[in-house]
Amino acid sequence: MGYYDIPRGCTTAELADELGISDQAVTERLRRAIVVREVRISHSRVSGASGLTVS
């Protein structure tokens, strides 16, 4: 939907409507996803892994 596009292609409210959840739930999930991504990248650099696996 373009949330990460610059400029943004949609708002969190529009994402929420599309997903059938609250705006607050969307922003919380986005925040958690960003944190998880940063942790995995950091761990990858520390461990010397060349790629990430998602299970």
C-alpha atoms as a PDB file:
ATOM      1  CA  MET A   1       0.000   0.000   0.000  1.00  0.00           C
ATOM      2  CA  GLY A   2       2.991   2.298   0.078  1.00  0.00           C
ATOM      3  CA  TYR A   3       3.391   3.101   3.762  1.00  0.00           C
ATOM      4  CA  TYR A   4       7.187   3.092   3.462  1.00  0.00           C
ATOM      5  CA  ASP A   5       7.219   5.026   0.192  1.00  0.00           C
ATOM      6  CA  ILE A   6       8.488   8.603   0.209  1.00  0.00           C
ATOM      7  CA  PRO A   7       6.139  10.406   0.257  1.00  0.00           C
ATOM      8  CA  ARG A   8       3.922   7.892   2.032  1.00  0.00           C
ATOM      9  CA  GLY A   9       1.381   6.204  -0.185  1.00  0.00           C
ATOM     10  CA  CYS A  10      -1.018   5.644   2.707  1.00  0.00           C
ATOM     11  CA  THR A  11      -1.550   6.390   6.365  1.00  0.00           C
ATOM     12  CA  THR A  12      -1.630   4.027   9.321  1.00  0.00           C
ATOM     13  CA  ALA A  13      -5.380   4.659   9.469  1.00  0.00           C
ATOM     14  CA  GLU A  14      -5.740   3.444   5.874  1.00  0.00           C
ATOM     15  CA  LEU A  15      -3.618   0.372   6.652  1.00  0.00           C
ATOM     16  CA  ALA A  16      -5.758  -0.297   9.705  1.00  0.00           C
ATOM     17  CA  ASP A  17      -8.921  -0.124   7.652  1.00  0.00           C
ATOM     18  CA  GLU A  18      -7.459  -2.476   5.031  1.00  0.00           C
ATOM     19  CA  LEU A  19      -6.347  -4.966   7.703  1.00  0.00           C
ATOM     20  CA  GLY A  20      -9.485  -4.656   9.809  1.00  0.00           C
ATOM     21  CA  ILE A  21      -7.589  -3.613  12.943  1.00  0.00           C
ATOM     22  CA  SER A  22      -7.197  -0.376  14.893  1.00  0.00           C
ATOM     23  CA  ASP A  23      -4.758   2.386  13.970  1.00  0.00           C
ATOM     24  CA  GLN A  24      -3.033   1.809  17.312  1.00  0.00           C
ATOM     25  CA  ALA A  25      -2.576  -1.899  16.475  1.00  0.00           C
ATOM     26  CA  VAL A  26      -0.999  -0.991  13.117  1.00  0.00           C
ATOM     27  CA  THR A  27       1.495   1.432  14.644  1.00  0.00           C
ATOM     28  CA  GLU A  28       2.402  -1.057  17.389  1.00  0.00           C
ATOM     29  CA  ARG A  29       2.994  -3.832  14.845  1.00  0.00           C
ATOM     30  CA  LEU A  30       5.086  -1.557  12.653  1.00  0.00           C
ATOM     31  CA  ARG A  31       7.144  -0.487  15.670  1.00  0.00           C
ATOM     32  CA  ARG A  32       7.716  -4.107  16.707  1.00  0.00           C
ATOM     33  CA  ALA A  33       8.674  -5.104  13.168  1.00  0.00           C
ATOM     34  CA  ILE A  34      11.266  -2.328  13.016  1.00  0.00           C
ATOM     35  CA  VAL A  35      12.749  -3.396  16.366  1.00  0.00           C
ATOM     36  CA  VAL A  36      12.899  -7.056  15.303  1.00  0.00           C
ATOM     37  CA  ARG A  37      14.547  -6.085  12.012  1.00  0.00           C
ATOM     38  CA  GLU A  38      17.186  -3.978  13.768  1.00  0.00           C
ATOM     39  CA  VAL A  39      17.934  -6.748  16.282  1.00  0.00           C
ATOM     40  CA  ARG A  40      18.338  -9.306  13.497  1.00  0.00           C
ATOM     41  CA  ILE A  41      20.625  -7.004  11.520  1.00  0.00           C
ATOM     42  CA  SER A  42      22.697  -6.305  14.624  1.00  0.00           C
ATOM     43  CA  HIS A  43      22.901 -10.022  15.453  1.00  0.00           C
ATOM     44  CA  SER A  44      23.878 -10.797  11.876  1.00  0.00           C
ATOM     45  CA  ARG A  45      26.776  -8.333  12.054  1.00  0.00           C
ATOM     46  CA  VAL A  46      27.974  -9.686  15.404  1.00  0.00           C
ATOM     47  CA  SER A  47      27.745 -13.337  14.407  1.00  0.00           C
ATOM     48  CA  GLY A  48      29.174 -12.773  10.939  1.00  0.00           C
ATOM     49  CA  ALA A  49      26.179 -14.401   9.291  1.00  0.00           C
ATOM     50  CA  SER A  50      25.796 -13.559   5.642  1.00  0.00           C
ATOM     51  CA  GLY A  51      22.012 -13.774   5.518  1.00  0.00           C
ATOM     52  CA  LEU A  52      18.923 -13.841   7.651  1.00  0.00           C
ATOM     53  CA  THR A  53      16.489 -16.670   7.891  1.00  0.00           C
ATOM     54  CA  VAL A  54      12.931 -16.077   8.921  1.00  0.00           C
ATOM     55  CA  SER A  55      10.952 -18.947  10.347  1.00  0.00           C
END
